[in-house]
Amino acid sequence: MSSDRGAYVATVSQPEAAFDLSAAAQVTDPLKEDFTKLNKRLAWQTENATRGLRFVPLNLATDSLRLLVFTDSSFANNPDYSSQIGYVIVLADNKDQANILHWSSVKCKRITRSVLASELYGMAHGFDTGIAIKTTVEKILGLEKLPLAVYTDSKSLYECLVKLGTTQEKRLMVDILCLRQAYERRQIMEIIWIDGNSNPADAMTKSKPCQALRDLINTNKVKLETTGWVERNETEKGVTGSKEEPGVRTKTETSQCVNRRKQIPPDPPGTGSKTYYHPEPESKAYYHPEPEARPTITRNRK
């Protein structure tokens, strides 16, 4: 199998080979080890010529479908110290049946200075394609709204978007604000932090085998190890609302970020148990009177 044919097959039906062929396309002065890596991947494709994607029927009932965007990056892993970014987009139903729709493994066009920057560019790249696929699927299936969820294994990026963190790199603020705006406008329904071993997009940025992507292709099932997530409850009054409760907007509560202190009253006497109750300190207002105006002394000069 030639490299051109292998690259075509990798972009159509074999996402497991996407990274190696993308890395081979970046080499300008190939060495012996570059030929070895490429020949190893082409040999794998030749031995697994019948391996491809299998599509299963999904539940098309109301509020059952959702679009999952898995993103990942590898900081400065290319020979020119650029980062590799990639994503895997999956359409799943409420029974965790899933079909892979699109994937990508490309070189980041900008040299990044931190892991957060490479992860952010990978998420922005995946979200741009995901929102286009989301709109297309809604038109084809006649859906009113298809929820889109973004999954990342980067804790720093998750906290930056959910906890409204800041970064020292000012060039990243534009992409961060764009993702936050999409999150507030419900174009992104959920931003979920998952374990790296359960991220299928890990195969888009590294040459090592990814068990999560292999299981997704073999079983058409989504198996995630969720670490952090955001729960949105429709309990706060606002401008926009839903059909069931008009005039109610969603209120974001995060199990990772919003830790509400529960006040427990002391146990009744005679129970033998001790309960330590720490009430929150009351706010104190301090009054600072304005200084009195000093009297003006007028002197007659002779």
C-alpha atoms as a PDB file:
ATOM      1  CA  MET A   1       0.000   0.000   0.000  1.00  0.00           C
ATOM      2  CA  SER A   2       1.356   3.426  -0.944  1.00  0.00           C
ATOM      3  CA  SER A   3       1.436   6.374   1.444  1.00  0.00           C
ATOM      4  CA  ASP A   4      -1.136   8.329  -0.614  1.00  0.00           C
ATOM      5  CA  ARG A   5      -3.577   5.458  -0.542  1.00  0.00           C
ATOM      6  CA  GLY A   6      -2.930   4.895   3.152  1.00  0.00           C
ATOM      7  CA  ALA A   7      -3.617   8.566   3.902  1.00  0.00           C
ATOM      8  CA  TYR A   8      -6.879   8.412   1.945  1.00  0.00           C
ATOM      9  CA  VAL A   9      -8.037   5.301   3.797  1.00  0.00           C
ATOM     10  CA  ALA A  10      -7.089   6.906   7.136  1.00  0.00           C
ATOM     11  CA  THR A  11      -9.247   9.964   6.422  1.00  0.00           C
ATOM     12  CA  VAL A  12     -12.239   7.875   5.307  1.00  0.00           C
ATOM     13  CA  SER A  13     -12.521   4.713   7.393  1.00  0.00           C
ATOM     14  CA  GLN A  14      -9.479   4.157   9.635  1.00  0.00           C
ATOM     15  CA  PRO A  15      -9.084   6.919  12.257  1.00  0.00           C
ATOM     16  CA  GLU A  16      -6.508   4.823  14.124  1.00  0.00           C
ATOM     17  CA  ALA A  17      -3.942   5.565  11.396  1.00  0.00           C
ATOM     18  CA  ALA A  18      -4.611   9.295  11.159  1.00  0.00           C
ATOM     19  CA  PHE A  19      -1.797  10.484  13.424  1.00  0.00           C
ATOM     20  CA  ASP A  20       1.052   8.471  11.872  1.00  0.00           C
ATOM     21  CA  LEU A  21       0.170   9.563   8.334  1.00  0.00           C
ATOM     22  CA  SER A  22      -0.283  13.169   9.437  1.00  0.00           C
ATOM     23  CA  ALA A  23       3.138  13.089  11.092  1.00  0.00           C
ATOM     24  CA  ALA A  24       4.693  11.547   7.963  1.00  0.00           C
ATOM     25  CA  ALA A  25       3.275  14.345   5.807  1.00  0.00           C
ATOM     26  CA  GLN A  26       5.138  16.922   7.908  1.00  0.00           C
ATOM     27  CA  VAL A  27       8.591  15.427   7.277  1.00  0.00           C
ATOM     28  CA  THR A  28      10.672  17.328   4.709  1.00  0.00           C
ATOM     29  CA  ASP A  29      14.046  15.593   5.128  1.00  0.00           C
ATOM     30  CA  PRO A  30      13.147  11.993   6.045  1.00  0.00           C
ATOM     31  CA  LEU A  31      15.484   9.850   8.064  1.00  0.00           C
ATOM     32  CA  LYS A  32      15.639   6.101   8.533  1.00  0.00           C
ATOM     33  CA  GLU A  33      13.389   6.175  11.579  1.00  0.00           C
ATOM     34  CA  ASP A  34      10.772   8.158   9.619  1.00  0.00           C
ATOM     35  CA  PHE A  35      10.663   5.439   6.944  1.00  0.00           C
ATOM     36  CA  THR A  36      10.404   2.807   9.660  1.00  0.00           C
ATOM     37  CA  LYS A  37       7.399   4.472  11.312  1.00  0.00           C
ATOM     38  CA  LEU A  38       5.591   4.992   8.012  1.00  0.00           C
ATOM     39  CA  ASN A  39       6.230   1.448   6.790  1.00  0.00           C
ATOM     40  CA  LYS A  40       5.006   0.067  10.103  1.00  0.00           C
ATOM     41  CA  ARG A  41       1.719   1.931   9.785  1.00  0.00           C
ATOM     42  CA  LEU A  42       1.284   0.974   6.119  1.00  0.00           C
ATOM     43  CA  ALA A  43       1.906  -2.657   7.023  1.00  0.00           C
ATOM     44  CA  TRP A  44      -0.773  -2.422   9.710  1.00  0.00           C
ATOM     45  CA  GLN A  45      -3.222  -0.998   7.191  1.00  0.00           C
ATOM     46  CA  THR A  46      -2.417  -3.787   4.740  1.00  0.00           C
ATOM     47  CA  GLU A  47      -2.971  -6.477   7.375  1.00  0.00           C
ATOM     48  CA  ASN A  48      -6.220  -4.816   8.518  1.00  0.00           C
ATOM     49  CA  ALA A  49      -7.594  -3.949   5.084  1.00  0.00           C
ATOM     50  CA  THR A  50     -11.105  -5.002   6.096  1.00  0.00           C
ATOM     51  CA  ARG A  51     -11.088  -2.964   9.298  1.00  0.00           C
ATOM     52  CA  GLY A  52     -13.300   0.084   9.115  1.00  0.00           C
ATOM     53  CA  LEU A  53     -16.249   1.866  10.656  1.00  0.00           C
ATOM     54  CA  ARG A  54     -19.560   0.194  11.372  1.00  0.00           C
ATOM     55  CA  PHE A  55     -22.729   2.232  11.739  1.00  0.00           C
ATOM     56  CA  VAL A  56     -25.560   1.061  13.991  1.00  0.00           C
ATOM     57  CA  PRO A  57     -29.139   2.413  14.181  1.00  0.00           C
ATOM     58  CA  LEU A  58     -29.686   5.042  16.874  1.00  0.00           C
ATOM     59  CA  ASN A  59     -32.743   6.002  18.854  1.00  0.00           C
ATOM     60  CA  LEU A  60     -34.262   8.992  17.044  1.00  0.00           C
ATOM     61  CA  ALA A  61     -36.818   9.779  19.745  1.00  0.00           C
ATOM     62  CA  THR A  62     -37.104  13.301  21.121  1.00  0.00           C
ATOM     63  CA  ASP A  63     -34.209  14.392  23.356  1.00  0.00           C
ATOM     64  CA  SER A  64     -32.328  11.122  22.826  1.00  0.00           C
ATOM     65  CA  LEU A  65     -29.576  12.147  20.403  1.00  0.00           C
ATOM     66  CA  ARG A  66     -26.515  14.172  21.360  1.00  0.00           C
ATOM     67  CA  LEU A  67     -23.328  15.183  19.581  1.00  0.00           C
ATOM     68  CA  LEU A  68     -20.081  14.436  21.416  1.00  0.00           C
ATOM     69  CA  VAL A  69     -16.857  16.260  20.535  1.00  0.00           C
ATOM     70  CA  PHE A  70     -13.688  14.712  22.009  1.00  0.00           C
ATOM     71  CA  THR A  71     -10.626  16.963  21.765  1.00  0.00           C
ATOM     72  CA  ASP A  72      -6.987  16.452  22.619  1.00  0.00           C
ATOM     73  CA  SER A  73      -3.544  17.880  21.897  1.00  0.00           C
ATOM     74  CA  SER A  74       0.100  16.959  22.327  1.00  0.00           C
ATOM     75  CA  PHE A  75       2.339  19.848  23.288  1.00  0.00           C
ATOM     76  CA  ALA A  76       5.476  20.355  21.129  1.00  0.00           C
ATOM     77  CA  ASN A  77       5.660  16.721  20.027  1.00  0.00           C
ATOM     78  CA  ASN A  78       6.467  17.441  16.354  1.00  0.00           C
ATOM     79  CA  PRO A  79      10.077  17.733  15.093  1.00  0.00           C
ATOM     80  CA  ASP A  80       9.693  21.510  14.640  1.00  0.00           C
ATOM     81  CA  TYR A  81       8.348  21.807  18.216  1.00  0.00           C
ATOM     82  CA  SER A  82       4.818  22.501  17.024  1.00  0.00           C
ATOM     83  CA  SER A  83       1.839  20.838  18.694  1.00  0.00           C
ATOM     84  CA  GLN A  84      -0.443  18.197  17.246  1.00  0.00           C
ATOM     85  CA  ILE A  85      -4.172  18.773  17.765  1.00  0.00           C
ATOM     86  CA  GLY A  86      -7.067  16.504  16.948  1.00  0.00           C
ATOM     87  CA  TYR A  87     -10.669  15.642  17.673  1.00  0.00           C
ATOM     88  CA  VAL A  88     -13.237  12.862  17.234  1.00  0.00           C
ATOM     89  CA  ILE A  89     -16.914  13.722  16.720  1.00  0.00           C
ATOM     90  CA  VAL A  90     -19.503  11.099  17.678  1.00  0.00           C
ATOM     91  CA  LEU A  91     -23.296  10.983  17.388  1.00  0.00           C
ATOM     92  CA  ALA A  92     -24.770   9.017  20.304  1.00  0.00           C
ATOM     93  CA  ASP A  93     -28.189   8.293  21.805  1.00  0.00           C
ATOM     94  CA  ASN A  94     -29.480   7.825  25.343  1.00  0.00           C
ATOM     95  CA  LYS A  95     -28.494   4.125  25.306  1.00  0.00           C
ATOM     96  CA  ASP A  96     -24.814   5.006  24.639  1.00  0.00           C
ATOM     97  CA  GLN A  97     -24.998   3.645  21.098  1.00  0.00           C
ATOM     98  CA  ALA A  98     -22.611   5.760  19.033  1.00  0.00           C
ATOM     99  CA  ASN A  99     -21.417   6.308  15.465  1.00  0.00           C
ATOM    100  CA  ILE A 100     -18.236   8.151  14.539  1.00  0.00           C
ATOM    101  CA  LEU A 101     -19.001  10.983  12.114  1.00  0.00           C
ATOM    102  CA  HIS A 102     -15.710  12.831  11.723  1.00  0.00           C
ATOM    103  CA  TRP A 103     -12.148  13.012  13.026  1.00  0.00           C
ATOM    104  CA  SER A 104      -9.031  15.046  12.412  1.00  0.00           C
ATOM    105  CA  SER A 105      -5.335  15.016  13.295  1.00  0.00           C
ATOM    106  CA  VAL A 106      -3.457  18.101  12.127  1.00  0.00           C
ATOM    107  CA  LYS A 107      -0.475  20.201  13.034  1.00  0.00           C
ATOM    108  CA  CYS A 108      -1.267  23.363  14.966  1.00  0.00           C
ATOM    109  CA  LYS A 109      -0.465  26.340  12.756  1.00  0.00           C
ATOM    110  CA  ARG A 110       0.703  28.442  15.687  1.00  0.00           C
ATOM    111  CA  ILE A 111       3.637  27.592  17.924  1.00  0.00           C
ATOM    112  CA  THR A 112       2.228  27.324  21.429  1.00  0.00           C
ATOM    113  CA  ARG A 113       4.059  28.195  24.621  1.00  0.00           C
ATOM    114  CA  SER A 114       2.059  26.050  27.053  1.00  0.00           C
ATOM    115  CA  VAL A 115      -0.031  22.909  27.306  1.00  0.00           C
ATOM    116  CA  LEU A 116      -3.114  25.045  27.954  1.00  0.00           C
ATOM    117  CA  ALA A 117      -2.634  26.877  24.647  1.00  0.00           C
ATOM    118  CA  SER A 118      -2.380  23.665  22.611  1.00  0.00           C
ATOM    119  CA  GLU A 119      -5.424  22.171  24.365  1.00  0.00           C
ATOM    120  CA  LEU A 120      -7.386  25.367  23.733  1.00  0.00           C
ATOM    121  CA  TYR A 121      -6.573  25.409  20.017  1.00  0.00           C
ATOM    122  CA  GLY A 122      -7.580  21.755  19.789  1.00  0.00           C
ATOM    123  CA  MET A 123     -10.939  22.447  21.441  1.00  0.00           C
ATOM    124  CA  ALA A 124     -11.587  25.500  19.261  1.00  0.00           C
ATOM    125  CA  HIS A 125     -10.774  23.450  16.155  1.00  0.00           C
ATOM    126  CA  GLY A 126     -13.102  20.643  17.214  1.00  0.00           C
ATOM    127  CA  PHE A 127     -15.911  22.994  18.210  1.00  0.00           C
ATOM    128  CA  ASP A 128     -15.863  24.779  14.844  1.00  0.00           C
ATOM    129  CA  THR A 129     -16.368  21.498  12.991  1.00  0.00           C
ATOM    130  CA  GLY A 130     -18.815  20.221  15.594  1.00  0.00           C
ATOM    131  CA  ILE A 131     -21.127  23.214  15.296  1.00  0.00           C
ATOM    132  CA  ALA A 132     -21.216  22.748  11.492  1.00  0.00           C
ATOM    133  CA  ILE A 133     -22.093  19.046  11.852  1.00  0.00           C
ATOM    134  CA  LYS A 134     -24.660  19.919  14.516  1.00  0.00           C
ATOM    135  CA  THR A 135     -26.469  22.321  12.189  1.00  0.00           C
ATOM    136  CA  THR A 136     -26.382  19.798   9.318  1.00  0.00           C
ATOM    137  CA  VAL A 137     -27.799  16.942  11.411  1.00  0.00           C
ATOM    138  CA  GLU A 138     -30.571  19.195  12.747  1.00  0.00           C
ATOM    139  CA  LYS A 139     -31.619  20.071   9.196  1.00  0.00           C
ATOM    140  CA  ILE A 140     -31.496  16.473   7.944  1.00  0.00           C
ATOM    141  CA  LEU A 141     -33.371  14.881  10.848  1.00  0.00           C
ATOM    142  CA  GLY A 142     -35.683  17.829  11.457  1.00  0.00           C
ATOM    143  CA  LEU A 143     -34.565  18.247  15.063  1.00  0.00           C
ATOM    144  CA  GLU A 144     -35.384  21.385  16.987  1.00  0.00           C
ATOM    145  CA  LYS A 145     -32.140  21.271  18.925  1.00  0.00           C
ATOM    146  CA  LEU A 146     -29.278  18.775  19.030  1.00  0.00           C
ATOM    147  CA  PRO A 147     -27.258  19.032  22.261  1.00  0.00           C
ATOM    148  CA  LEU A 148     -23.506  19.381  21.755  1.00  0.00           C
ATOM    149  CA  ALA A 149     -21.104  18.331  24.502  1.00  0.00           C
ATOM    150  CA  VAL A 150     -17.340  18.900  24.518  1.00  0.00           C
ATOM    151  CA  TYR A 151     -15.044  16.441  26.303  1.00  0.00           C
ATOM    152  CA  THR A 152     -11.456  17.163  27.307  1.00  0.00           C
ATOM    153  CA  ASP A 153      -8.870  15.462  29.496  1.00  0.00           C
ATOM    154  CA  SER A 154      -7.169  18.755  30.375  1.00  0.00           C
ATOM    155  CA  LYS A 155      -7.950  19.939  33.888  1.00  0.00           C
ATOM    156  CA  SER A 156      -6.449  23.388  33.310  1.00  0.00           C
ATOM    157  CA  LEU A 157      -8.630  24.034  30.240  1.00  0.00           C
ATOM    158  CA  TYR A 158     -11.737  22.713  32.002  1.00  0.00           C
ATOM    159  CA  GLU A 159     -11.218  25.003  34.987  1.00  0.00           C
ATOM    160  CA  CYS A 160     -10.384  27.945  32.737  1.00  0.00           C
ATOM    161  CA  LEU A 161     -13.735  27.636  30.939  1.00  0.00           C
ATOM    162  CA  VAL A 162     -15.977  26.542  33.800  1.00  0.00           C
ATOM    163  CA  LYS A 163     -14.417  28.449  36.696  1.00  0.00           C
ATOM    164  CA  LEU A 164     -13.816  31.563  34.569  1.00  0.00           C
ATOM    165  CA  GLY A 165     -10.073  31.401  35.075  1.00  0.00           C
ATOM    166  CA  THR A 166      -7.549  33.690  33.425  1.00  0.00           C
ATOM    167  CA  THR A 167      -4.304  33.159  31.560  1.00  0.00           C
ATOM    168  CA  GLN A 168      -1.140  35.179  31.113  1.00  0.00           C
ATOM    169  CA  GLU A 169      -1.119  34.666  27.333  1.00  0.00           C
ATOM    170  CA  LYS A 170      -3.275  37.453  25.961  1.00  0.00           C
ATOM    171  CA  ARG A 171      -3.551  35.870  22.527  1.00  0.00           C
ATOM    172  CA  LEU A 172      -5.584  33.044  24.042  1.00  0.00           C
ATOM    173  CA  MET A 173      -8.268  35.331  25.470  1.00  0.00           C
ATOM    174  CA  VAL A 174     -10.104  35.622  22.136  1.00  0.00           C
ATOM    175  CA  ASP A 175     -10.536  31.838  21.811  1.00  0.00           C
ATOM    176  CA  ILE A 176     -11.431  31.513  25.492  1.00  0.00           C
ATOM    177  CA  LEU A 177     -14.101  34.200  25.261  1.00  0.00           C
ATOM    178  CA  CYS A 178     -15.538  32.626  22.100  1.00  0.00           C
ATOM    179  CA  LEU A 179     -15.910  29.262  23.844  1.00  0.00           C
ATOM    180  CA  ARG A 180     -17.379  30.901  26.947  1.00  0.00           C
ATOM    181  CA  GLN A 181     -19.900  32.797  24.847  1.00  0.00           C
ATOM    182  CA  ALA A 182     -20.926  29.587  23.076  1.00  0.00           C
ATOM    183  CA  TYR A 183     -21.255  27.910  26.475  1.00  0.00           C
ATOM    184  CA  GLU A 184     -23.446  30.706  27.864  1.00  0.00           C
ATOM    185  CA  ARG A 185     -25.646  30.717  24.768  1.00  0.00           C
ATOM    186  CA  ARG A 186     -26.124  26.937  25.012  1.00  0.00           C
ATOM    187  CA  GLN A 187     -24.381  26.216  21.738  1.00  0.00           C
ATOM    188  CA  ILE A 188     -22.219  24.040  23.986  1.00  0.00           C
ATOM    189  CA  MET A 189     -24.544  22.291  26.396  1.00  0.00           C
ATOM    190  CA  GLU A 190     -21.829  20.648  28.493  1.00  0.00           C
ATOM    191  CA  ILE A 191     -18.093  20.872  29.026  1.00  0.00           C
ATOM    192  CA  ILE A 192     -16.956  17.646  30.664  1.00  0.00           C
ATOM    193  CA  TRP A 193     -13.568  16.708  32.056  1.00  0.00           C
ATOM    194  CA  ILE A 194     -12.817  13.020  31.474  1.00  0.00           C
ATOM    195  CA  ASP A 195      -9.972  10.662  32.200  1.00  0.00           C
ATOM    196  CA  GLY A 196      -7.263  10.532  29.543  1.00  0.00           C
ATOM    197  CA  ASN A 197      -7.578   6.769  29.103  1.00  0.00           C
ATOM    198  CA  SER A 198     -11.232   7.106  28.060  1.00  0.00           C
ATOM    199  CA  ASN A 199     -10.622   9.875  25.507  1.00  0.00           C
ATOM    200  CA  PRO A 200     -10.830   8.540  21.915  1.00  0.00           C
ATOM    201  CA  ALA A 201      -9.137  11.701  20.594  1.00  0.00           C
ATOM    202  CA  ASP A 202      -5.917  10.611  22.298  1.00  0.00           C
ATOM    203  CA  ALA A 203      -5.168   8.551  19.169  1.00  0.00           C
ATOM    204  CA  MET A 204      -5.234  11.734  17.069  1.00  0.00           C
ATOM    205  CA  THR A 205      -2.202  13.220  18.828  1.00  0.00           C
ATOM    206  CA  LYS A 206      -0.056  10.208  19.790  1.00  0.00           C
ATOM    207  CA  SER A 207       1.286   7.184  17.967  1.00  0.00           C
ATOM    208  CA  LYS A 208       0.641   4.735  20.792  1.00  0.00           C
ATOM    209  CA  PRO A 209      -2.498   2.574  20.537  1.00  0.00           C
ATOM    210  CA  CYS A 210      -5.621   4.066  22.090  1.00  0.00           C
ATOM    211  CA  GLN A 211      -7.893   1.519  23.742  1.00  0.00           C
ATOM    212  CA  ALA A 212     -10.787   3.970  24.009  1.00  0.00           C
ATOM    213  CA  LEU A 213     -10.916   4.531  20.232  1.00  0.00           C
ATOM    214  CA  ARG A 214     -10.485   0.821  19.570  1.00  0.00           C
ATOM    215  CA  ASP A 215     -13.415  -0.057  21.828  1.00  0.00           C
ATOM    216  CA  LEU A 216     -15.554   2.680  20.250  1.00  0.00           C
ATOM    217  CA  ILE A 217     -14.914   1.278  16.757  1.00  0.00           C
ATOM    218  CA  ASN A 218     -15.418  -2.353  17.776  1.00  0.00           C
ATOM    219  CA  THR A 219     -18.524  -1.990  19.945  1.00  0.00           C
ATOM    220  CA  ASN A 220     -20.110   1.327  18.839  1.00  0.00           C
ATOM    221  CA  LYS A 221     -20.500   2.112  22.538  1.00  0.00           C
ATOM    222  CA  VAL A 222     -19.387   5.189  24.452  1.00  0.00           C
ATOM    223  CA  LYS A 223     -17.656   4.365  27.740  1.00  0.00           C
ATOM    224  CA  LEU A 224     -16.451   7.404  29.667  1.00  0.00           C
ATOM    225  CA  GLU A 225     -14.759   7.934  33.010  1.00  0.00           C
ATOM    226  CA  THR A 226     -16.086  11.346  33.970  1.00  0.00           C
ATOM    227  CA  THR A 227     -13.984  13.405  36.364  1.00  0.00           C
ATOM    228  CA  GLY A 228     -15.712  16.799  36.362  1.00  0.00           C
ATOM    229  CA  TRP A 229     -18.941  18.077  34.923  1.00  0.00           C
ATOM    230  CA  VAL A 230     -21.537  20.843  35.154  1.00  0.00           C
ATOM    231  CA  GLU A 231     -25.157  20.344  36.168  1.00  0.00           C
ATOM    232  CA  ARG A 232     -27.605  22.922  34.853  1.00  0.00           C
ATOM    233  CA  ASN A 233     -30.969  23.145  36.616  1.00  0.00           C
ATOM    234  CA  GLU A 234     -33.863  25.323  35.495  1.00  0.00           C
ATOM    235  CA  THR A 235     -34.595  26.964  38.831  1.00  0.00           C
ATOM    236  CA  GLU A 236     -33.686  30.622  38.478  1.00  0.00           C
ATOM    237  CA  LYS A 237     -36.112  33.219  37.155  1.00  0.00           C
ATOM    238  CA  GLY A 238     -34.944  35.096  34.151  1.00  0.00           C
ATOM    239  CA  VAL A 239     -35.759  36.382  30.718  1.00  0.00           C
ATOM    240  CA  THR A 240     -35.739  33.267  28.593  1.00  0.00           C
ATOM    241  CA  GLY A 241     -37.586  30.086  29.474  1.00  0.00           C
ATOM    242  CA  SER A 242     -38.764  26.670  28.348  1.00  0.00           C
ATOM    243  CA  LYS A 243     -42.126  25.330  27.221  1.00  0.00           C
ATOM    244  CA  GLU A 244     -42.831  23.683  30.575  1.00  0.00           C
ATOM    245  CA  GLU A 245     -41.789  26.656  32.722  1.00  0.00           C
ATOM    246  CA  PRO A 246     -41.977  29.947  30.837  1.00  0.00           C
ATOM    247  CA  GLY A 247     -39.963  32.789  32.253  1.00  0.00           C
ATOM    248  CA  VAL A 248     -37.378  30.482  33.813  1.00  0.00           C
ATOM    249  CA  ARG A 249     -33.758  30.384  32.764  1.00  0.00           C
ATOM    250  CA  THR A 250     -31.186  27.763  33.550  1.00  0.00           C
ATOM    251  CA  LYS A 251     -28.940  28.107  36.565  1.00  0.00           C
ATOM    252  CA  THR A 252     -25.481  26.567  36.352  1.00  0.00           C
ATOM    253  CA  GLU A 253     -24.331  24.543  39.347  1.00  0.00           C
ATOM    254  CA  THR A 254     -20.997  22.744  39.177  1.00  0.00           C
ATOM    255  CA  SER A 255     -20.171  19.800  41.379  1.00  0.00           C
ATOM    256  CA  GLN A 256     -16.478  20.631  41.035  1.00  0.00           C
ATOM    257  CA  CYS A 257     -16.651  24.398  41.394  1.00  0.00           C
ATOM    258  CA  VAL A 258     -19.728  25.253  43.478  1.00  0.00           C
ATOM    259  CA  ASN A 259     -19.284  23.747  46.924  1.00  0.00           C
ATOM    260  CA  ARG A 260     -22.110  25.016  49.074  1.00  0.00           C
ATOM    261  CA  ARG A 261     -21.604  24.765  52.824  1.00  0.00           C
ATOM    262  CA  LYS A 262     -24.503  22.981  54.492  1.00  0.00           C
ATOM    263  CA  GLN A 263     -25.362  24.295  57.933  1.00  0.00           C
ATOM    264  CA  ILE A 264     -26.197  21.414  60.270  1.00  0.00           C
ATOM    265  CA  PRO A 265     -27.972  22.270  63.540  1.00  0.00           C
ATOM    266  CA  PRO A 266     -26.526  20.827  66.758  1.00  0.00           C
ATOM    267  CA  ASP A 267     -27.813  17.499  68.063  1.00  0.00           C
ATOM    268  CA  PRO A 268     -30.340  17.562  70.911  1.00  0.00           C
ATOM    269  CA  PRO A 269     -28.926  17.111  74.407  1.00  0.00           C
ATOM    270  CA  GLY A 270     -28.585  13.601  75.734  1.00  0.00           C
ATOM    271  CA  THR A 271     -27.702  11.929  72.455  1.00  0.00           C
ATOM    272  CA  GLY A 272     -24.034  11.586  73.370  1.00  0.00           C
ATOM    273  CA  SER A 273     -22.786  12.848  70.022  1.00  0.00           C
ATOM    274  CA  LYS A 274     -21.005  16.108  69.396  1.00  0.00           C
ATOM    275  CA  THR A 275     -21.637  18.351  66.432  1.00  0.00           C
ATOM    276  CA  TYR A 276     -19.433  21.275  65.678  1.00  0.00           C
ATOM    277  CA  TYR A 277     -21.339  24.109  64.080  1.00  0.00           C
ATOM    278  CA  HIS A 278     -19.435  26.850  62.366  1.00  0.00           C
ATOM    279  CA  PRO A 279     -21.747  29.655  61.275  1.00  0.00           C
ATOM    280  CA  GLU A 280     -20.622  31.987  58.557  1.00  0.00           C
ATOM    281  CA  PRO A 281     -19.358  35.317  59.893  1.00  0.00           C
ATOM    282  CA  GLU A 282     -21.761  38.195  59.632  1.00  0.00           C
ATOM    283  CA  SER A 283     -20.852  41.030  57.360  1.00  0.00           C
ATOM    284  CA  LYS A 284     -19.793  44.201  59.151  1.00  0.00           C
ATOM    285  CA  ALA A 285     -20.228  47.655  57.782  1.00  0.00           C
ATOM    286  CA  TYR A 286     -17.636  50.224  58.688  1.00  0.00           C
ATOM    287  CA  TYR A 287     -18.576  53.902  58.610  1.00  0.00           C
ATOM    288  CA  HIS A 288     -15.887  56.398  57.823  1.00  0.00           C
ATOM    289  CA  PRO A 289     -17.124  59.981  58.360  1.00  0.00           C
ATOM    290  CA  GLU A 290     -15.801  62.624  56.066  1.00  0.00           C
ATOM    291  CA  PRO A 291     -13.267  65.014  57.667  1.00  0.00           C
ATOM    292  CA  GLU A 292     -14.592  68.403  58.654  1.00  0.00           C
ATOM    293  CA  ALA A 293     -13.645  71.355  56.553  1.00  0.00           C
ATOM    294  CA  ARG A 294     -10.865  73.427  58.026  1.00  0.00           C
ATOM    295  CA  PRO A 295     -11.573  77.142  58.695  1.00  0.00           C
ATOM    296  CA  THR A 296      -9.992  79.561  56.240  1.00  0.00           C
ATOM    297  CA  ILE A 297      -7.593  82.076  57.833  1.00  0.00           C
ATOM    298  CA  THR A 298      -7.266  85.394  56.071  1.00  0.00           C
ATOM    299  CA  ARG A 299      -4.258  87.552  56.757  1.00  0.00           C
ATOM    300  CA  ASN A 300      -3.925  91.206  55.837  1.00  0.00           C
ATOM    301  CA  ARG A 301      -0.627  91.899  54.257  1.00  0.00           C
ATOM    302  CA  LYS A 302       0.844  95.351  54.837  1.00  0.00           C
END
